[in-house]
């Protein structure tokens, strides 16, 4: 989710995704925009190692690398 206001200026979230022993992938997402309302923007990322198989464990670490706040409204792990 991207939001407006001082709390979200320069907000950037770093996501690290790892599937069990597969290699990990990193993504950075901006959390601010200038419109005076919050908006939902879907982000689609490939999973490392070609994706997960039934029974695999998926780890997602989120690190706020800049800014003060970041909103996550939901997450879906699926084929797109």
Protein backbone atom coordinates (compact mmCIF):
# COMPACT_ATOMS: atom_id res chain seq x y z
CA UNK A 1 0.00 0.00 0.00
CA UNK A 2 1.25 3.49 -0.77
CA UNK A 3 0.24 6.32 1.54
CA UNK A 4 0.54 10.07 1.69
CA UNK A 5 1.81 12.26 4.50
CA UNK A 6 5.02 12.95 6.34
CA UNK A 7 5.21 9.49 7.98
CA UNK A 8 5.57 7.79 4.58
CA UNK A 9 8.03 10.11 2.80
CA UNK A 10 11.05 8.09 1.59
CA UNK A 11 9.51 4.88 2.97
CA UNK A 12 11.13 1.87 1.33
CA UNK A 13 10.61 -1.74 2.31
CA UNK A 14 13.10 -4.49 1.49
CA UNK A 15 11.59 -7.96 1.12
CA UNK A 16 13.83 -11.02 1.20
CA UNK A 17 12.12 -14.20 -0.02
CA UNK A 18 13.63 -17.62 0.54
CA UNK A 19 12.30 -21.15 -0.06
CA UNK A 20 13.90 -23.65 2.31
CA UNK A 21 17.45 -24.10 0.96
CA UNK A 22 16.93 -22.37 -2.42
CA UNK A 23 18.66 -19.10 -3.22
CA UNK A 24 17.01 -15.96 -1.94
CA UNK A 25 15.75 -12.91 -3.85
CA UNK A 26 15.45 -9.29 -2.69
CA UNK A 27 12.90 -6.66 -3.72
CA UNK A 28 12.55 -3.00 -2.72
CA UNK A 29 9.16 -1.29 -2.71
CA UNK A 30 8.44 2.43 -2.29
CA UNK A 31 5.68 3.29 0.18
CA UNK A 32 4.95 6.96 -0.62
CA UNK A 33 3.14 8.97 -3.28
CA UNK A 34 1.83 12.53 -3.52
CA UNK A 35 -1.92 11.90 -3.99
CA UNK A 36 -3.88 12.81 -0.83
CA UNK A 37 -5.25 9.30 -0.30
CA UNK A 38 -3.81 5.84 0.33
CA UNK A 39 -3.84 3.51 -2.66
CA UNK A 40 -3.34 -0.21 -3.18
CA UNK A 41 -0.71 -1.14 -5.76
CA UNK A 42 -0.15 -4.85 -6.41
CA UNK A 43 3.46 -5.96 -6.73
CA UNK A 44 4.20 -9.30 -8.39
CA UNK A 45 7.54 -11.04 -7.87
CA UNK A 46 8.94 -14.35 -9.05
CA UNK A 47 9.77 -16.76 -6.25
CA UNK A 48 13.41 -17.90 -6.08
CA UNK A 49 14.39 -21.28 -7.46
CA UNK A 50 11.47 -21.37 -9.89
CA UNK A 51 8.85 -21.33 -7.12
CA UNK A 52 7.75 -23.52 -4.24
CA UNK A 53 6.49 -27.07 -4.31
CA UNK A 54 3.83 -28.59 -2.09
CA UNK A 55 5.22 -28.93 1.42
CA UNK A 56 7.96 -26.30 0.98
CA UNK A 57 8.36 -23.53 3.55
CA UNK A 58 8.49 -19.96 2.21
CA UNK A 59 10.24 -17.32 4.32
CA UNK A 60 9.55 -13.61 3.78
CA UNK A 61 11.60 -11.10 5.78
CA UNK A 62 10.58 -7.42 5.66
CA UNK A 63 13.06 -4.68 6.57
CA UNK A 64 12.18 -0.98 6.61
CA UNK A 65 15.32 0.45 4.98
CA UNK A 66 14.18 4.08 4.83
CA UNK A 67 11.34 6.22 6.13
CA UNK A 68 9.32 5.86 9.33
CA UNK A 69 6.32 3.68 8.41
CA UNK A 70 5.20 1.21 5.75
CA UNK A 71 1.76 -0.40 5.24
CA UNK A 72 1.25 -3.95 4.01
CA UNK A 73 -2.38 -4.69 3.32
CA UNK A 74 -2.15 -8.33 2.24
CA UNK A 75 -0.07 -11.02 0.64
CA UNK A 76 -0.96 -13.86 -1.70
CA UNK A 77 1.36 -16.62 -2.86
CA UNK A 78 -0.04 -18.00 -6.07
CA UNK A 79 0.55 -18.62 -9.75
CA UNK A 80 -0.12 -15.54 -11.87
